[in-house]
Amino acid sequence: MIRELDSVVLRVDKPELGLEAGDVGTVVHVYGGGEGYEVEFATLTGHTLGVLTLAPEEVRAVEESDLLHVRRAEVA
């Protein structure tokens, strides 16, 4: 079960924010016991790229075998 403050992995691209499947965000709110999630995506230095309301099928919990990868994002 995904909870508030958990890290989650984006399953879909969100080009309007420059986000790609595989990007990692932090859950800031859980709607209705998991019917949806408010997720913040930020750079490693803390610059917020966006906060999105996402359906359960658009994110997944971080798994033990996941590996972080760094890429550059457009920062306004």
N, C-alpha and C. Protein backbone atom coordinates (compact mmCIF):
# COMPACT_ATOMS: atom_id res chain seq x y z
N MET A 1 0.84 -1.19 0.00
CA MET A 1 0.00 0.00 0.00
C MET A 1 0.88 1.25 0.00
N ILE A 2 0.55 2.19 -0.84
CA ILE A 2 1.27 3.45 -0.93
C ILE A 2 0.69 4.42 0.09
N ARG A 3 1.60 5.07 0.84
CA ARG A 3 1.19 6.00 1.90
C ARG A 3 1.80 7.38 1.65
N GLU A 4 1.29 8.37 2.38
CA GLU A 4 1.87 9.70 2.30
C GLU A 4 3.34 9.66 2.68
N LEU A 5 4.15 10.43 1.95
CA LEU A 5 5.60 10.57 2.09
C LEU A 5 6.38 9.39 1.50
N ASP A 6 5.69 8.40 0.93
CA ASP A 6 6.38 7.32 0.22
C ASP A 6 6.91 7.85 -1.11
N SER A 7 8.03 7.30 -1.53
CA SER A 7 8.52 7.54 -2.89
C SER A 7 7.78 6.60 -3.82
N VAL A 8 7.43 7.11 -5.00
CA VAL A 8 6.75 6.30 -6.01
C VAL A 8 7.42 6.52 -7.36
N VAL A 9 7.21 5.57 -8.26
CA VAL A 9 7.79 5.62 -9.60
C VAL A 9 6.67 5.91 -10.60
N LEU A 10 6.88 6.91 -11.43
CA LEU A 10 5.92 7.27 -12.47
C LEU A 10 5.93 6.19 -13.55
N ARG A 11 4.75 5.72 -13.94
CA ARG A 11 4.64 4.66 -14.96
C ARG A 11 4.40 5.22 -16.36
N VAL A 12 4.03 6.48 -16.45
CA VAL A 12 3.68 7.10 -17.75
C VAL A 12 4.45 8.40 -17.93
N ASP A 13 4.65 8.80 -19.18
CA ASP A 13 5.27 10.10 -19.46
C ASP A 13 4.26 11.21 -19.19
N LYS A 14 4.76 12.33 -18.68
CA LYS A 14 3.96 13.55 -18.51
C LYS A 14 4.75 14.69 -19.15
N PRO A 15 4.75 14.74 -20.50
CA PRO A 15 5.61 15.68 -21.22
C PRO A 15 5.33 17.14 -20.90
N GLU A 16 4.12 17.48 -20.49
CA GLU A 16 3.80 18.87 -20.18
C GLU A 16 4.63 19.40 -19.01
N LEU A 17 5.16 18.48 -18.18
CA LEU A 17 6.03 18.86 -17.06
C LEU A 17 7.46 18.38 -17.26
N GLY A 18 7.72 17.76 -18.41
CA GLY A 18 9.06 17.24 -18.65
C GLY A 18 9.34 15.97 -17.87
N LEU A 19 8.30 15.27 -17.43
CA LEU A 19 8.48 14.05 -16.65
C LEU A 19 8.38 12.83 -17.56
N GLU A 20 9.16 11.82 -17.21
CA GLU A 20 9.18 10.58 -17.98
C GLU A 20 8.89 9.39 -17.07
N ALA A 21 8.34 8.35 -17.67
CA ALA A 21 8.15 7.10 -16.92
C ALA A 21 9.49 6.72 -16.30
N GLY A 22 9.45 6.35 -15.04
CA GLY A 22 10.66 6.00 -14.32
C GLY A 22 11.11 7.09 -13.36
N ASP A 23 10.60 8.32 -13.53
CA ASP A 23 10.94 9.38 -12.60
C ASP A 23 10.34 9.07 -11.23
N VAL A 24 11.02 9.53 -10.20
CA VAL A 24 10.61 9.25 -8.82
C VAL A 24 10.02 10.51 -8.19
N GLY A 25 8.88 10.34 -7.52
CA GLY A 25 8.23 11.45 -6.83
C GLY A 25 7.89 11.05 -5.41
N THR A 26 7.38 12.03 -4.66
CA THR A 26 6.98 11.80 -3.27
C THR A 26 5.49 12.03 -3.13
N VAL A 27 4.80 11.09 -2.52
CA VAL A 27 3.35 11.20 -2.29
C VAL A 27 3.12 12.23 -1.18
N VAL A 28 2.35 13.27 -1.50
CA VAL A 28 2.03 14.28 -0.51
C VAL A 28 0.60 14.15 0.01
N HIS A 29 -0.23 13.37 -0.70
CA HIS A 29 -1.59 13.12 -0.22
C HIS A 29 -2.13 11.85 -0.88
N VAL A 30 -2.85 11.06 -0.12
CA VAL A 30 -3.53 9.87 -0.64
C VAL A 30 -5.02 10.13 -0.59
N TYR A 31 -5.70 9.95 -1.72
CA TYR A 31 -7.14 10.15 -1.80
C TYR A 31 -7.88 8.84 -1.59
N GLY A 32 -8.88 8.86 -0.73
CA GLY A 32 -9.80 7.75 -0.56
C GLY A 32 -9.15 6.39 -0.37
N GLY A 33 -8.11 6.30 0.43
CA GLY A 33 -7.49 5.02 0.71
C GLY A 33 -6.77 4.40 -0.49
N GLY A 34 -6.37 5.23 -1.45
CA GLY A 34 -5.62 4.73 -2.59
C GLY A 34 -6.32 4.88 -3.92
N GLU A 35 -7.41 5.66 -3.96
CA GLU A 35 -8.12 5.90 -5.23
C GLU A 35 -7.36 6.87 -6.12
N GLY A 36 -6.42 7.59 -5.55
CA GLY A 36 -5.59 8.53 -6.28
C GLY A 36 -4.51 9.07 -5.38
N TYR A 37 -3.52 9.73 -5.99
CA TYR A 37 -2.38 10.23 -5.23
C TYR A 37 -1.98 11.61 -5.72
N GLU A 38 -1.65 12.48 -4.79
CA GLU A 38 -1.04 13.76 -5.12
C GLU A 38 0.47 13.54 -4.95
N VAL A 39 1.22 13.73 -6.03
CA VAL A 39 2.65 13.39 -6.02
C VAL A 39 3.47 14.60 -6.45
N GLU A 40 4.49 14.91 -5.65
CA GLU A 40 5.41 16.00 -5.99
C GLU A 40 6.65 15.42 -6.66
N PHE A 41 7.03 16.03 -7.77
CA PHE A 41 8.26 15.65 -8.47
C PHE A 41 9.21 16.83 -8.36
N ALA A 42 10.44 16.54 -7.93
CA ALA A 42 11.42 17.60 -7.69
C ALA A 42 12.80 17.15 -8.14
N THR A 43 13.67 18.13 -8.38
CA THR A 43 15.06 17.82 -8.68
C THR A 43 15.74 17.36 -7.39
N LEU A 44 16.93 16.82 -7.51
CA LEU A 44 17.65 16.36 -6.32
C LEU A 44 18.04 17.50 -5.39
N THR A 45 18.04 18.74 -5.90
CA THR A 45 18.35 19.88 -5.04
C THR A 45 17.10 20.52 -4.46
N GLY A 46 15.93 19.95 -4.75
CA GLY A 46 14.69 20.40 -4.12
C GLY A 46 13.83 21.35 -4.93
N HIS A 47 14.17 21.61 -6.19
CA HIS A 47 13.33 22.46 -7.04
C HIS A 47 12.13 21.66 -7.53
N THR A 48 10.94 22.08 -7.14
CA THR A 48 9.72 21.36 -7.54
C THR A 48 9.44 21.56 -9.03
N LEU A 49 9.29 20.44 -9.73
CA LEU A 49 8.93 20.46 -11.15
C LEU A 49 7.43 20.47 -11.33
N GLY A 50 6.72 19.86 -10.39
CA GLY A 50 5.27 19.82 -10.47
C GLY A 50 4.68 18.94 -9.41
N VAL A 51 3.41 19.20 -9.12
CA VAL A 51 2.62 18.37 -8.22
C VAL A 51 1.42 17.89 -9.02
N LEU A 52 1.29 16.59 -9.15
CA LEU A 52 0.26 16.00 -10.00
C LEU A 52 -0.70 15.13 -9.20
N THR A 53 -1.96 15.14 -9.60
CA THR A 53 -2.92 14.17 -9.10
C THR A 53 -2.89 13.00 -10.07
N LEU A 54 -2.55 11.82 -9.55
CA LEU A 54 -2.35 10.65 -10.40
C LEU A 54 -3.25 9.49 -9.97
N ALA A 55 -3.68 8.73 -10.95
CA ALA A 55 -4.46 7.52 -10.69
C ALA A 55 -3.52 6.40 -10.27
N PRO A 56 -4.02 5.40 -9.57
CA PRO A 56 -3.17 4.30 -9.11
C PRO A 56 -2.39 3.62 -10.22
N GLU A 57 -2.94 3.54 -11.42
CA GLU A 57 -2.24 2.87 -12.52
C GLU A 57 -1.12 3.73 -13.10
N GLU A 58 -1.02 5.00 -12.70
CA GLU A 58 0.03 5.88 -13.22
C GLU A 58 1.30 5.88 -12.37
N VAL A 59 1.24 5.27 -11.21
CA VAL A 59 2.41 5.19 -10.33
C VAL A 59 2.51 3.79 -9.74
N ARG A 60 3.70 3.49 -9.23
CA ARG A 60 3.87 2.23 -8.50
C ARG A 60 4.79 2.48 -7.33
N ALA A 61 4.69 1.62 -6.36
CA ALA A 61 5.57 1.71 -5.19
C ALA A 61 7.00 1.41 -5.60
N VAL A 62 7.95 1.99 -4.89
CA VAL A 62 9.36 1.69 -5.10
C VAL A 62 9.61 0.25 -4.67
N GLU A 63 10.39 -0.47 -5.46
CA GLU A 63 10.72 -1.86 -5.16
C GLU A 63 12.18 -1.98 -4.73
N GLU A 64 12.49 -3.01 -4.01
CA GLU A 64 13.84 -3.20 -3.46
C GLU A 64 14.92 -3.21 -4.53
N SER A 65 14.61 -3.70 -5.71
CA SER A 65 15.62 -3.80 -6.77
C SER A 65 15.70 -2.55 -7.65
N ASP A 66 14.91 -1.51 -7.36
CA ASP A 66 14.95 -0.29 -8.16
C ASP A 66 16.29 0.43 -7.97
N LEU A 67 16.76 1.03 -9.06
CA LEU A 67 18.01 1.77 -9.07
C LEU A 67 17.73 3.19 -9.56
N LEU A 68 18.21 4.19 -8.82
CA LEU A 68 18.03 5.57 -9.25
C LEU A 68 18.97 5.89 -10.41
N HIS A 69 18.51 6.76 -11.28
CA HIS A 69 19.29 7.20 -12.43
C HIS A 69 19.09 8.71 -12.55
N VAL A 70 20.13 9.45 -12.82
CA VAL A 70 20.03 10.90 -12.92
C VAL A 70 19.96 11.34 -14.37
N ARG A 71 19.08 12.30 -14.65
CA ARG A 71 18.99 12.95 -15.95
C ARG A 71 18.69 14.41 -15.68
N ARG A 72 18.96 15.25 -16.63
CA ARG A 72 18.72 16.69 -16.46
C ARG A 72 17.28 17.03 -16.82
N ALA A 73 16.69 17.91 -16.02
CA ALA A 73 15.33 18.38 -16.26
C ALA A 73 15.36 19.87 -16.59
N GLU A 74 14.38 20.31 -17.34
CA GLU A 74 14.22 21.73 -17.61
C GLU A 74 13.70 22.40 -16.35
N VAL A 75 14.48 23.33 -15.79
CA VAL A 75 14.09 24.02 -14.57
C VAL A 75 13.80 25.47 -14.92
N ALA A 76 12.58 25.90 -14.61
CA ALA A 76 12.17 27.29 -14.92
C ALA A 76 12.65 28.26 -13.87
